[in-house]
Amino acid sequence: MRNRLRTLRAERRWSQADLADRCQVSRQTINAIETGRYDPSLPLAFTLADIFGLTIEDIFFPDRPPGPTDPATRR
């Protein structure tokens, strides 16, 4: 699953450790999500969405090629 987590975190000038503290997970978990090695649990995805004030769909995207309904390609 692709995601915008690194970009959202960087926009706020948070380190991975800062975000991990807010989510009550390890820095390694945040790193694994950002690099696509780990897909978060649904509760963690909701926590991340709440922290950034977004929906889960605004942060996470399927691994399929972008199409006209993919939020990453919308203007």
Protein backbone atom coordinates (compact mmCIF):
# COMPACT_ATOMS: atom_id res chain seq x y z
CA MET A 1 0.00 0.00 0.00
CA ARG A 2 1.35 3.42 -0.95
CA ASN A 3 1.03 6.35 1.43
CA ARG A 4 1.77 10.05 1.93
CA LEU A 5 2.90 9.67 5.52
CA ARG A 6 6.47 10.90 4.99
CA THR A 7 5.26 14.01 3.17
CA LEU A 8 2.61 14.81 5.77
CA ARG A 9 5.11 14.32 8.58
CA ALA A 10 7.75 16.47 6.85
CA GLU A 11 5.23 19.29 6.25
CA ARG A 12 4.87 19.51 10.03
CA ARG A 13 8.63 19.18 10.61
CA TRP A 14 8.07 16.10 12.77
CA SER A 15 10.65 13.36 13.06
CA GLN A 16 9.62 9.75 12.83
CA ALA A 17 10.06 9.61 16.61
CA ASP A 18 7.71 12.60 17.05
CA LEU A 19 4.98 10.91 15.03
CA ALA A 20 5.61 7.58 16.74
CA ASP A 21 5.11 9.23 20.14
CA ARG A 22 1.83 10.74 18.99
CA CYS A 23 0.67 7.31 17.76
CA GLN A 24 2.11 5.40 20.72
CA VAL A 25 4.11 3.10 18.45
CA SER A 26 7.83 2.69 17.82
CA ARG A 27 9.84 4.85 15.44
CA GLN A 28 10.61 1.63 13.55
CA THR A 29 6.89 1.11 12.94
CA ILE A 30 6.57 4.58 11.39
CA ASN A 31 9.66 3.91 9.25
CA ALA A 32 8.26 0.57 8.08
CA ILE A 33 4.94 2.16 7.11
CA GLU A 34 6.63 5.03 5.26
CA THR A 35 8.83 2.65 3.28
CA GLY A 36 5.97 0.30 2.42
CA ARG A 37 7.35 -2.65 4.39
CA TYR A 38 4.38 -2.68 6.76
CA ASP A 39 0.70 -1.89 6.32
CA PRO A 40 -0.77 -0.39 9.50
CA SER A 41 -3.60 -2.00 11.38
CA LEU A 42 -6.98 -0.34 10.93
CA PRO A 43 -6.86 1.24 14.42
CA LEU A 44 -3.40 2.68 13.69
CA ALA A 45 -4.57 3.96 10.30
CA PHE A 46 -7.47 5.74 12.05
CA THR A 47 -5.06 7.19 14.61
CA LEU A 48 -2.81 8.52 11.85
CA ALA A 49 -5.80 10.01 10.03
CA ASP A 50 -6.96 11.72 13.24
CA ILE A 51 -3.49 13.12 13.94
CA PHE A 52 -3.31 14.69 10.48
CA GLY A 53 -6.97 15.70 10.34
CA LEU A 54 -7.51 13.63 7.18
CA THR A 55 -9.35 10.50 6.14
CA ILE A 56 -7.56 7.19 5.80
CA GLU A 57 -8.12 7.43 2.04
CA ASP A 58 -6.29 10.77 1.99
CA ILE A 59 -3.17 9.08 3.42
CA PHE A 60 -3.16 5.51 2.07
CA PHE A 61 -3.61 4.29 -1.52
CA PRO A 62 -3.83 0.83 -3.12
CA ASP A 63 -0.75 -0.57 -4.87
CA ARG A 64 -2.50 -0.57 -8.24
CA PRO A 65 -1.54 1.84 -11.02
CA PRO A 66 -3.13 5.29 -10.50
CA GLY A 67 -6.43 5.77 -12.24
CA PRO A 68 -8.97 8.57 -12.55
CA THR A 69 -10.47 7.78 -9.10
CA ASP A 70 -7.12 7.63 -7.28
CA PRO A 71 -6.85 10.59 -4.85
CA ALA A 72 -3.15 10.93 -5.70
CA THR A 73 -4.04 11.88 -9.28
CA ARG A 74 -6.97 14.22 -8.51
CA ARG A 75 -6.55 17.96 -8.90
